PDB file of N, CA and C in Angstrom:
ATOM      1  N   MET A   1      38.452 -38.963 -76.301  1.00  0.00           N
ATOM      2  CA  MET A   1      37.142 -38.719 -75.703  1.00  0.00           C
ATOM      3  C   MET A   1      37.258 -37.827 -74.472  1.00  0.00           C
ATOM      4  N   ILE A   2      38.112 -38.222 -73.541  1.00  0.00           N
ATOM      5  CA  ILE A   2      38.225 -37.448 -72.302  1.00  0.00           C
ATOM      6  C   ILE A   2      38.859 -36.082 -72.564  1.00  0.00           C
ATOM      7  N   PHE A   3      39.782 -36.027 -73.560  1.00  0.00           N
ATOM      8  CA  PHE A   3      40.394 -34.748 -73.914  1.00  0.00           C
ATOM      9  C   PHE A   3      39.343 -33.778 -74.442  1.00  0.00           C
ATOM     10  N   SER A   4      38.436 -34.272 -75.236  1.00  0.00           N
ATOM     11  CA  SER A   4      37.369 -33.428 -75.779  1.00  0.00           C
ATOM     12  C   SER A   4      36.470 -32.895 -74.675  1.00  0.00           C
ATOM     13  N   LEU A   5      36.217 -33.712 -73.669  1.00  0.00           N
ATOM     14  CA  LEU A   5      35.387 -33.276 -72.549  1.00  0.00           C
ATOM     15  C   LEU A   5      36.082 -32.182 -71.749  1.00  0.00           C
ATOM     16  N   PHE A   6      37.389 -32.342 -71.497  1.00  0.00           N
ATOM     17  CA  PHE A   6      38.147 -31.306 -70.785  1.00  0.00           C
ATOM     18  C   PHE A   6      38.205 -30.011 -71.587  1.00  0.00           C
ATOM     19  N   ARG A   7      38.372 -30.137 -72.894  1.00  0.00           N
ATOM     20  CA  ARG A   7      38.399 -28.956 -73.754  1.00  0.00           C
ATOM     21  C   ARG A   7      37.050 -28.241 -73.720  1.00  0.00           C
ATOM     22  N   PHE A   8      35.961 -29.019 -73.733  1.00  0.00           N
ATOM     23  CA  PHE A   8      34.616 -28.448 -73.651  1.00  0.00           C
ATOM     24  C   PHE A   8      34.423 -27.686 -72.333  1.00  0.00           C
ATOM     25  N   PHE A   9      34.838 -28.284 -71.215  1.00  0.00           N
ATOM     26  CA  PHE A   9      34.707 -27.621 -69.916  1.00  0.00           C
ATOM     27  C   PHE A   9      35.573 -26.372 -69.831  1.00  0.00           C
ATOM     28  N   PHE A  10      36.790 -26.446 -70.356  1.00  0.00           N
ATOM     29  CA  PHE A  10      37.678 -25.290 -70.313  1.00  0.00           C
ATOM     30  C   PHE A  10      37.124 -24.141 -71.146  1.00  0.00           C
ATOM     31  N   LEU A  11      36.674 -24.421 -72.356  1.00  0.00           N
ATOM     32  CA  LEU A  11      36.112 -23.368 -73.200  1.00  0.00           C
ATOM     33  C   LEU A  11      34.817 -22.815 -72.606  1.00  0.00           C
ATOM     34  N   GLY A  12      34.002 -23.700 -72.018  1.00  0.00           N
ATOM     35  CA  GLY A  12      32.783 -23.232 -71.359  1.00  0.00           C
ATOM     36  C   GLY A  12      33.095 -22.309 -70.196  1.00  0.00           C
ATOM     37  N   LEU A  13      34.109 -22.668 -69.410  1.00  0.00           N
ATOM     38  CA  LEU A  13      34.512 -21.823 -68.287  1.00  0.00           C
ATOM     39  C   LEU A  13      35.037 -20.485 -68.776  1.00  0.00           C
ATOM     40  N   ALA A  14      35.811 -20.490 -69.850  1.00  0.00           N
ATOM     41  CA  ALA A  14      36.334 -19.247 -70.404  1.00  0.00           C
ATOM     42  C   ALA A  14      35.208 -18.343 -70.907  1.00  0.00           C
ATOM     43  N   VAL A  15      34.258 -18.925 -71.620  1.00  0.00           N
ATOM     44  CA  VAL A  15      33.132 -18.132 -72.148  1.00  0.00           C
ATOM     45  C   VAL A  15      32.281 -17.585 -71.006  1.00  0.00           C
ATOM     46  N   MET A  16      32.013 -18.417 -69.989  1.00  0.00           N
ATOM     47  CA  MET A  16      31.201 -17.949 -68.863  1.00  0.00           C
ATOM     48  C   MET A  16      31.938 -16.883 -68.054  1.00  0.00           C
ATOM     49  N   SER A  17      33.259 -16.968 -67.977  1.00  0.00           N
ATOM     50  CA  SER A  17      34.026 -15.946 -67.265  1.00  0.00           C
ATOM     51  C   SER A  17      33.963 -14.612 -67.995  1.00  0.00           C
ATOM     52  N   ILE A  18      34.073 -14.648 -69.308  1.00  0.00           N
ATOM     53  CA  ILE A  18      33.949 -13.416 -70.090  1.00  0.00           C
ATOM     54  C   ILE A  18      32.536 -12.849 -69.955  1.00  0.00           C
ATOM     55  N   ALA A  19      31.539 -13.726 -69.984  1.00  0.00           N
ATOM     56  CA  ALA A  19      30.157 -13.275 -69.809  1.00  0.00           C
ATOM     57  C   ALA A  19      29.962 -12.670 -68.425  1.00  0.00           C
ATOM     58  N   TYR A  20      30.621 -13.241 -67.404  1.00  0.00           N
ATOM     59  CA  TYR A  20      30.530 -12.698 -66.041  1.00  0.00           C
ATOM     60  C   TYR A  20      31.087 -11.283 -65.998  1.00  0.00           C
ATOM     61  N   LEU A  21      32.254 -11.072 -66.578  1.00  0.00           N
ATOM     62  CA  LEU A  21      32.858  -9.739 -66.556  1.00  0.00           C
ATOM     63  C   LEU A  21      31.999  -8.726 -67.302  1.00  0.00           C
ATOM     64  N   MET A  22      31.467  -9.128 -68.447  1.00  0.00           N
ATOM     65  CA  MET A  22      30.616  -8.218 -69.216  1.00  0.00           C
ATOM     66  C   MET A  22      29.318  -7.914 -68.474  1.00  0.00           C
ATOM     67  N   THR A  23      28.728  -8.933 -67.860  1.00  0.00           N
ATOM     68  CA  THR A  23      27.479  -8.739 -67.126  1.00  0.00           C
ATOM     69  C   THR A  23      27.700  -7.857 -65.911  1.00  0.00           C
ATOM     70  N   ARG A  24      28.792  -8.095 -65.201  1.00  0.00           N
ATOM     71  CA  ARG A  24      29.101  -7.280 -64.022  1.00  0.00           C
ATOM     72  C   ARG A  24      29.293  -5.809 -64.409  1.00  0.00           C
ATOM     73  N   TYR A  25      30.003  -5.569 -65.500  1.00  0.00           N
ATOM     74  CA  TYR A  25      30.199  -4.202 -65.967  1.00  0.00           C
ATOM     75  C   TYR A  25      28.875  -3.567 -66.369  1.00  0.00           C
ATOM     76  N   TYR A  26      28.035  -4.314 -67.093  1.00  0.00           N
ATOM     77  CA  TYR A  26      26.757  -3.784 -67.559  1.00  0.00           C
ATOM     78  C   TYR A  26      25.834  -3.449 -66.383  1.00  0.00           C
ATOM     79  N   ILE A  27      25.721  -4.354 -65.424  1.00  0.00           N
ATOM     80  CA  ILE A  27      24.855  -4.107 -64.265  1.00  0.00           C
ATOM     81  C   ILE A  27      25.364  -2.907 -63.479  1.00  0.00           C
ATOM     82  N   GLY A  28      26.681  -2.823 -63.301  1.00  0.00           N
ATOM     83  CA  GLY A  28      27.258  -1.693 -62.566  1.00  0.00           C
ATOM     84  C   GLY A  28      27.033  -0.361 -63.262  1.00  0.00           C
ATOM     85  N   SER A  29      27.215  -0.330 -64.574  1.00  0.00           N
ATOM     86  CA  SER A  29      27.020   0.923 -65.295  1.00  0.00           C
ATOM     87  C   SER A  29      25.547   1.325 -65.332  1.00  0.00           C
ATOM     88  N   THR A  30      24.650   0.352 -65.432  1.00  0.00           N
ATOM     89  CA  THR A  30      23.219   0.657 -65.404  1.00  0.00           C
ATOM     90  C   THR A  30      22.813   1.223 -64.052  1.00  0.00           C
ATOM     91  N   LEU A  31      23.329   0.614 -62.996  1.00  0.00           N
ATOM     92  CA  LEU A  31      23.030   1.110 -61.653  1.00  0.00           C
ATOM     93  C   LEU A  31      23.589   2.512 -61.449  1.00  0.00           C
ATOM     94  N   ARG A  32      24.800   2.751 -61.958  1.00  0.00           N
ATOM     95  CA  ARG A  32      25.405   4.079 -61.831  1.00  0.00           C
ATOM     96  C   ARG A  32      24.553   5.136 -62.535  1.00  0.00           C
ATOM     97  N   GLU A  33      24.060   4.820 -63.720  1.00  0.00           N
ATOM     98  CA  GLU A  33      23.210   5.764 -64.441  1.00  0.00           C
ATOM     99  C   GLU A  33      21.920   6.050 -63.669  1.00  0.00           C
ATOM    100  N   GLU A  34      21.324   5.009 -63.092  1.00  0.00           N
ATOM    101  CA  GLU A  34      20.104   5.199 -62.300  1.00  0.00           C
ATOM    102  C   GLU A  34      20.377   6.074 -61.088  1.00  0.00           C
ATOM    103  N   LEU A  35      21.513   5.844 -60.415  1.00  0.00           N
ATOM    104  CA  LEU A  35      21.845   6.647 -59.236  1.00  0.00           C
ATOM    105  C   LEU A  35      22.141   8.091 -59.613  1.00  0.00           C
ATOM    106  N   GLU A  36      22.792   8.320 -60.747  1.00  0.00           N
ATOM    107  CA  GLU A  36      23.055   9.688 -61.181  1.00  0.00           C
ATOM    108  C   GLU A  36      21.765  10.433 -61.487  1.00  0.00           C
ATOM    109  N   SER A  37      20.809   9.762 -62.120  1.00  0.00           N
ATOM    110  CA  SER A  37      19.533  10.424 -62.399  1.00  0.00           C
ATOM    111  C   SER A  37      18.739  10.632 -61.108  1.00  0.00           C
ATOM    112  N   GLU A  38      18.884   9.693 -60.158  1.00  0.00           N
ATOM    113  CA  GLU A  38      18.222   9.870 -58.857  1.00  0.00           C
ATOM    114  C   GLU A  38      18.806  11.071 -58.123  1.00  0.00           C
ATOM    115  N   TRP A  39      20.122  11.257 -58.208  1.00  0.00           N
ATOM    116  CA  TRP A  39      20.762  12.402 -57.558  1.00  0.00           C
ATOM    117  C   TRP A  39      20.270  13.708 -58.180  1.00  0.00           C
ATOM    118  N   GLN A  40      20.061  13.710 -59.497  1.00  0.00           N
ATOM    119  CA  GLN A  40      19.572  14.910 -60.176  1.00  0.00           C
ATOM    120  C   GLN A  40      18.165  15.282 -59.708  1.00  0.00           C
ATOM    121  N   GLU A  41      17.356  14.270 -59.358  1.00  0.00           N
ATOM    122  CA  GLU A  41      15.981  14.532 -58.939  1.00  0.00           C
ATOM    123  C   GLU A  41      15.862  14.958 -57.484  1.00  0.00           C
ATOM    124  N   LEU A  42      16.937  14.785 -56.706  1.00  0.00           N
ATOM    125  CA  LEU A  42      16.879  15.198 -55.296  1.00  0.00           C
ATOM    126  C   LEU A  42      16.799  16.713 -55.194  1.00  0.00           C
ATOM    127  N   PRO A  43      16.093  17.208 -54.175  1.00  0.00           N
ATOM    128  CA  PRO A  43      16.112  18.662 -53.949  1.00  0.00           C
ATOM    129  C   PRO A  43      17.513  19.127 -53.599  1.00  0.00           C
ATOM    130  N   GLN A  44      17.806  20.368 -53.888  1.00  0.00           N
ATOM    131  CA  GLN A  44      19.143  20.917 -53.674  1.00  0.00           C
ATOM    132  C   GLN A  44      19.594  20.785 -52.218  1.00  0.00           C
ATOM    133  N   ALA A  45      18.676  20.930 -51.265  1.00  0.00           N
ATOM    134  CA  ALA A  45      19.033  20.869 -49.852  1.00  0.00           C
ATOM    135  C   ALA A  45      19.439  19.455 -49.416  1.00  0.00           C
ATOM    136  N   GLU A  46      18.915  18.421 -50.060  1.00  0.00           N
ATOM    137  CA  GLU A  46      19.215  17.041 -49.658  1.00  0.00           C
ATOM    138  C   GLU A  46      20.456  16.476 -50.337  1.00  0.00           C
ATOM    139  N   ARG A  47      20.980  17.125 -51.334  1.00  0.00           N
ATOM    140  CA  ARG A  47      22.120  16.583 -52.079  1.00  0.00           C
ATOM    141  C   ARG A  47      23.372  16.491 -51.216  1.00  0.00           C
ATOM    142  N   GLY A  48      23.718  17.525 -50.498  1.00  0.00           N
ATOM    143  CA  GLY A  48      24.850  17.496 -49.592  1.00  0.00           C
ATOM    144  C   GLY A  48      26.191  17.392 -50.287  1.00  0.00           C
ATOM    145  N   THR A  49      26.652  16.198 -50.599  1.00  0.00           N
ATOM    146  CA  THR A  49      27.970  15.998 -51.187  1.00  0.00           C
ATOM    147  C   THR A  49      27.921  16.118 -52.705  1.00  0.00           C
ATOM    148  N   SER A  50      29.065  15.984 -53.330  1.00  0.00           N
ATOM    149  CA  SER A  50      29.101  16.041 -54.792  1.00  0.00           C
ATOM    150  C   SER A  50      28.427  14.798 -55.373  1.00  0.00           C
ATOM    151  N   ARG A  51      28.088  14.889 -56.630  1.00  0.00           N
ATOM    152  CA  ARG A  51      27.380  13.786 -57.276  1.00  0.00           C
ATOM    153  C   ARG A  51      28.219  12.512 -57.283  1.00  0.00           C
ATOM    154  N   ASN A  52      29.496  12.629 -57.628  1.00  0.00           N
ATOM    155  CA  ASN A  52      30.348  11.434 -57.700  1.00  0.00           C
ATOM    156  C   ASN A  52      30.492  10.766 -56.341  1.00  0.00           C
ATOM    157  N   ASP A  53      30.644  11.560 -55.271  1.00  0.00           N
ATOM    158  CA  ASP A  53      30.756  10.975 -53.931  1.00  0.00           C
ATOM    159  C   ASP A  53      29.460  10.273 -53.531  1.00  0.00           C
ATOM    160  N   TRP A  54      28.333  10.909 -53.812  1.00  0.00           N
ATOM    161  CA  TRP A  54      27.032  10.337 -53.467  1.00  0.00           C
ATOM    162  C   TRP A  54      26.796   9.026 -54.206  1.00  0.00           C
ATOM    163  N   VAL A  55      27.104   9.014 -55.505  1.00  0.00           N
ATOM    164  CA  VAL A  55      26.917   7.817 -56.318  1.00  0.00           C
ATOM    165  C   VAL A  55      27.885   6.722 -55.871  1.00  0.00           C
ATOM    166  N   ASP A  56      29.141   7.069 -55.599  1.00  0.00           N
ATOM    167  CA  ASP A  56      30.126   6.074 -55.169  1.00  0.00           C
ATOM    168  C   ASP A  56      29.741   5.423 -53.845  1.00  0.00           C
ATOM    169  N   GLN A  57      29.181   6.195 -52.925  1.00  0.00           N
ATOM    170  CA  GLN A  57      28.741   5.632 -51.650  1.00  0.00           C
ATOM    171  C   GLN A  57      27.654   4.582 -51.868  1.00  0.00           C
ATOM    172  N   ARG A  58      26.704   4.866 -52.722  1.00  0.00           N
ATOM    173  CA  ARG A  58      25.630   3.911 -52.974  1.00  0.00           C
ATOM    174  C   ARG A  58      26.096   2.727 -53.825  1.00  0.00           C
ATOM    175  N   MET A  59      27.070   2.942 -54.684  1.00  0.00           N
ATOM    176  CA  MET A  59      27.634   1.833 -55.455  1.00  0.00           C
ATOM    177  C   MET A  59      28.370   0.862 -54.530  1.00  0.00           C
ATOM    178  N   MET A  60      29.042   1.373 -53.521  1.00  0.00           N
ATOM    179  CA  MET A  60      29.736   0.510 -52.564  1.00  0.00           C
ATOM    180  C   MET A  60      28.740  -0.351 -51.791  1.00  0.00           C
ATOM    181  N   ARG A  61      27.580   0.194 -51.493  1.00  0.00           N
ATOM    182  CA  ARG A  61      26.547  -0.574 -50.788  1.00  0.00           C
ATOM    183  C   ARG A  61      26.035  -1.735 -51.640  1.00  0.00           C
ATOM    184  N   ASN A  62      25.994  -1.546 -52.940  1.00  0.00           N
ATOM    185  CA  ASN A  62      25.416  -2.542 -53.848  1.00  0.00           C
ATOM    186  C   ASN A  62      26.464  -3.429 -54.514  1.00  0.00           C
ATOM    187  N   ARG A  63      27.717  -3.337 -54.103  1.00  0.00           N
ATOM    188  CA  ARG A  63      28.783  -4.079 -54.758  1.00  0.00           C
ATOM    189  C   ARG A  63      28.560  -5.590 -54.700  1.00  0.00           C
ATOM    190  N   SER A  64      28.185  -6.106 -53.537  1.00  0.00           N
ATOM    191  CA  SER A  64      27.986  -7.561 -53.428  1.00  0.00           C
ATOM    192  C   SER A  64      26.745  -8.007 -54.205  1.00  0.00           C
ATOM    193  N   ALA A  65      25.718  -7.190 -54.256  1.00  0.00           N
ATOM    194  CA  ALA A  65      24.514  -7.544 -55.030  1.00  0.00           C
ATOM    195  C   ALA A  65      24.821  -7.607 -56.520  1.00  0.00           C
ATOM    196  N   ILE A  66      25.689  -6.732 -56.992  1.00  0.00           N
ATOM    197  CA  ILE A  66      26.085  -6.745 -58.396  1.00  0.00           C
ATOM    198  C   ILE A  66      26.825  -8.042 -58.712  1.00  0.00           C
ATOM    199  N   ARG A  67      27.741  -8.429 -57.828  1.00  0.00           N
ATOM    200  CA  ARG A  67      28.494  -9.670 -58.040  1.00  0.00           C
ATOM    201  C   ARG A  67      27.573 -10.889 -58.048  1.00  0.00           C
ATOM    202  N   ILE A  68      26.638 -10.937 -57.114  1.00  0.00           N
ATOM    203  CA  ILE A  68      25.729 -12.080 -57.029  1.00  0.00           C
ATOM    204  C   ILE A  68      24.858 -12.170 -58.273  1.00  0.00           C
ATOM    205  N   ARG A  69      24.324 -11.052 -58.728  1.00  0.00           N
ATOM    206  CA  ARG A  69      23.501 -11.058 -59.942  1.00  0.00           C
ATOM    207  C   ARG A  69      24.308 -11.529 -61.151  1.00  0.00           C
ATOM    208  N   ALA A  70      25.528 -11.026 -61.267  1.00  0.00           N
ATOM    209  CA  ALA A  70      26.362 -11.415 -62.408  1.00  0.00           C
ATOM    210  C   ALA A  70      26.719 -12.897 -62.347  1.00  0.00           C
ATOM    211  N   LEU A  71      26.994 -13.421 -61.159  1.00  0.00           N
ATOM    212  CA  LEU A  71      27.286 -14.849 -61.017  1.00  0.00           C
ATOM    213  C   LEU A  71      26.084 -15.697 -61.393  1.00  0.00           C
ATOM    214  N   LEU A  72      24.909 -15.287 -60.952  1.00  0.00           N
ATOM    215  CA  LEU A  72      23.700 -16.034 -61.295  1.00  0.00           C
ATOM    216  C   LEU A  72      23.459 -16.042 -62.796  1.00  0.00           C
ATOM    217  N   ILE A  73      23.598 -14.895 -63.413  1.00  0.00           N
ATOM    218  CA  ILE A  73      23.326 -14.785 -64.841  1.00  0.00           C
ATOM    219  C   ILE A  73      24.376 -15.529 -65.664  1.00  0.00           C
ATOM    220  N   SER A  74      25.646 -15.475 -65.258  1.00  0.00           N
ATOM    221  CA  SER A  74      26.705 -16.028 -66.092  1.00  0.00           C
ATOM    222  C   SER A  74      27.052 -17.479 -65.812  1.00  0.00           C
ATOM    223  N   PHE A  75      26.938 -17.915 -64.560  1.00  0.00           N
ATOM    224  CA  PHE A  75      27.372 -19.268 -64.224  1.00  0.00           C
ATOM    225  C   PHE A  75      26.218 -20.181 -63.813  1.00  0.00           C
ATOM    226  N   VAL A  76      25.419 -19.768 -62.865  1.00  0.00           N
ATOM    227  CA  VAL A  76      24.424 -20.656 -62.270  1.00  0.00           C
ATOM    228  C   VAL A  76      23.317 -21.014 -63.260  1.00  0.00           C
ATOM    229  N   ILE A  77      22.762 -20.039 -63.917  1.00  0.00           N
ATOM    230  CA  ILE A  77      21.657 -20.303 -64.843  1.00  0.00           C
ATOM    231  C   ILE A  77      22.104 -21.159 -66.034  1.00  0.00           C
ATOM    232  N   PRO A  78      23.236 -20.868 -66.694  1.00  0.00           N
ATOM    233  CA  PRO A  78      23.636 -21.748 -67.806  1.00  0.00           C
ATOM    234  C   PRO A  78      23.971 -23.168 -67.373  1.00  0.00           C
ATOM    235  N   ILE A  79      24.680 -23.332 -66.262  1.00  0.00           N
ATOM    236  CA  ILE A  79      25.038 -24.677 -65.803  1.00  0.00           C
ATOM    237  C   ILE A  79      23.789 -25.455 -65.415  1.00  0.00           C
ATOM    238  N   THR A  80      22.874 -24.810 -64.706  1.00  0.00           N
ATOM    239  CA  THR A  80      21.628 -25.463 -64.318  1.00  0.00           C
ATOM    240  C   THR A  80      20.804 -25.846 -65.543  1.00  0.00           C
ATOM    241  N   SER A  81      20.783 -24.989 -66.529  1.00  0.00           N
ATOM    242  CA  SER A  81      20.034 -25.287 -67.760  1.00  0.00           C
ATOM    243  C   SER A  81      20.618 -26.482 -68.496  1.00  0.00           C
ATOM    244  N   VAL A  82      21.929 -26.542 -68.603  1.00  0.00           N
ATOM    245  CA  VAL A  82      22.563 -27.672 -69.289  1.00  0.00           C
ATOM    246  C   VAL A  82      22.303 -28.966 -68.534  1.00  0.00           C
ATOM    247  N   ILE A  83      22.411 -28.940 -67.224  1.00  0.00           N
ATOM    248  CA  ILE A  83      22.141 -30.137 -66.424  1.00  0.00           C
ATOM    249  C   ILE A  83      20.686 -30.571 -66.585  1.00  0.00           C
ATOM    250  N   ALA A  84      19.768 -29.615 -66.565  1.00  0.00           N
ATOM    251  CA  ALA A  84      18.347 -29.954 -66.732  1.00  0.00           C
ATOM    252  C   ALA A  84      18.080 -30.562 -68.112  1.00  0.00           C
ATOM    253  N   ILE A  85      18.716 -30.034 -69.142  1.00  0.00           N
ATOM    254  CA  ILE A  85      18.537 -30.586 -70.489  1.00  0.00           C
ATOM    255  C   ILE A  85      19.098 -31.998 -70.569  1.00  0.00           C
ATOM    256  N   ILE A  86      20.268 -32.219 -69.985  1.00  0.00           N
ATOM    257  CA  ILE A  86      20.876 -33.551 -69.990  1.00  0.00           C
ATOM    258  C   ILE A  86      19.972 -34.546 -69.269  1.00  0.00           C
ATOM    259  N   ILE A  87      19.446 -34.166 -68.118  1.00  0.00           N
ATOM    260  CA  ILE A  87      18.547 -35.060 -67.358  1.00  0.00           C
ATOM    261  C   ILE A  87      17.275 -35.321 -68.158  1.00  0.00           C
ATOM    262  N   ALA A  88      16.720 -34.280 -68.763  1.00  0.00           N
ATOM    263  CA  ALA A  88      15.476 -34.460 -69.511  1.00  0.00           C
ATOM    264  C   ALA A  88      15.665 -35.374 -70.716  1.00  0.00           C
ATOM    265  N   VAL A  89      16.775 -35.214 -71.396  1.00  0.00           N
ATOM    266  CA  VAL A  89      17.020 -36.018 -72.596  1.00  0.00           C
ATOM    267  C   VAL A  89      17.318 -37.472 -72.222  1.00  0.00           C
ATOM    268  N   ASN A  90      18.072 -37.680 -71.188  1.00  0.00           N
ATOM    269  CA  ASN A  90      18.518 -39.036 -70.854  1.00  0.00           C
ATOM    270  C   ASN A  90      17.549 -39.822 -69.981  1.00  0.00           C
ATOM    271  N   PHE A  91      16.799 -39.166 -69.131  1.00  0.00           N
ATOM    272  CA  PHE A  91      16.022 -39.901 -68.143  1.00  0.00           C
ATOM    273  C   PHE A  91      14.510 -39.708 -68.246  1.00  0.00           C
ATOM    274  N   LEU A  92      14.051 -38.797 -69.052  1.00  0.00           N
ATOM    275  CA  LEU A  92      12.606 -38.585 -69.165  1.00  0.00           C
ATOM    276  C   LEU A  92      12.067 -39.038 -70.494  1.00  0.00           C
TER     277      LEU A  92
END
């Protein structure tokens, strides 16, 4: 019984970790595409640096926001949902 519970938690952690990495990559690549298109729309005089430097500077500003979003999507929301379902089934 207890072995099955540990196996369930371990596999859940592994799946959520993979989902975290995929979500973080997806959010980062989507943001990069948006920033590249934003750079294209800037007037020539405001561009200043190269596109990659401009995009990298703004990606560095949003690095912690990307991590937080990915953590919420991959870990917090699924764990909270499972706990809410368990409480609803057992106590309501």
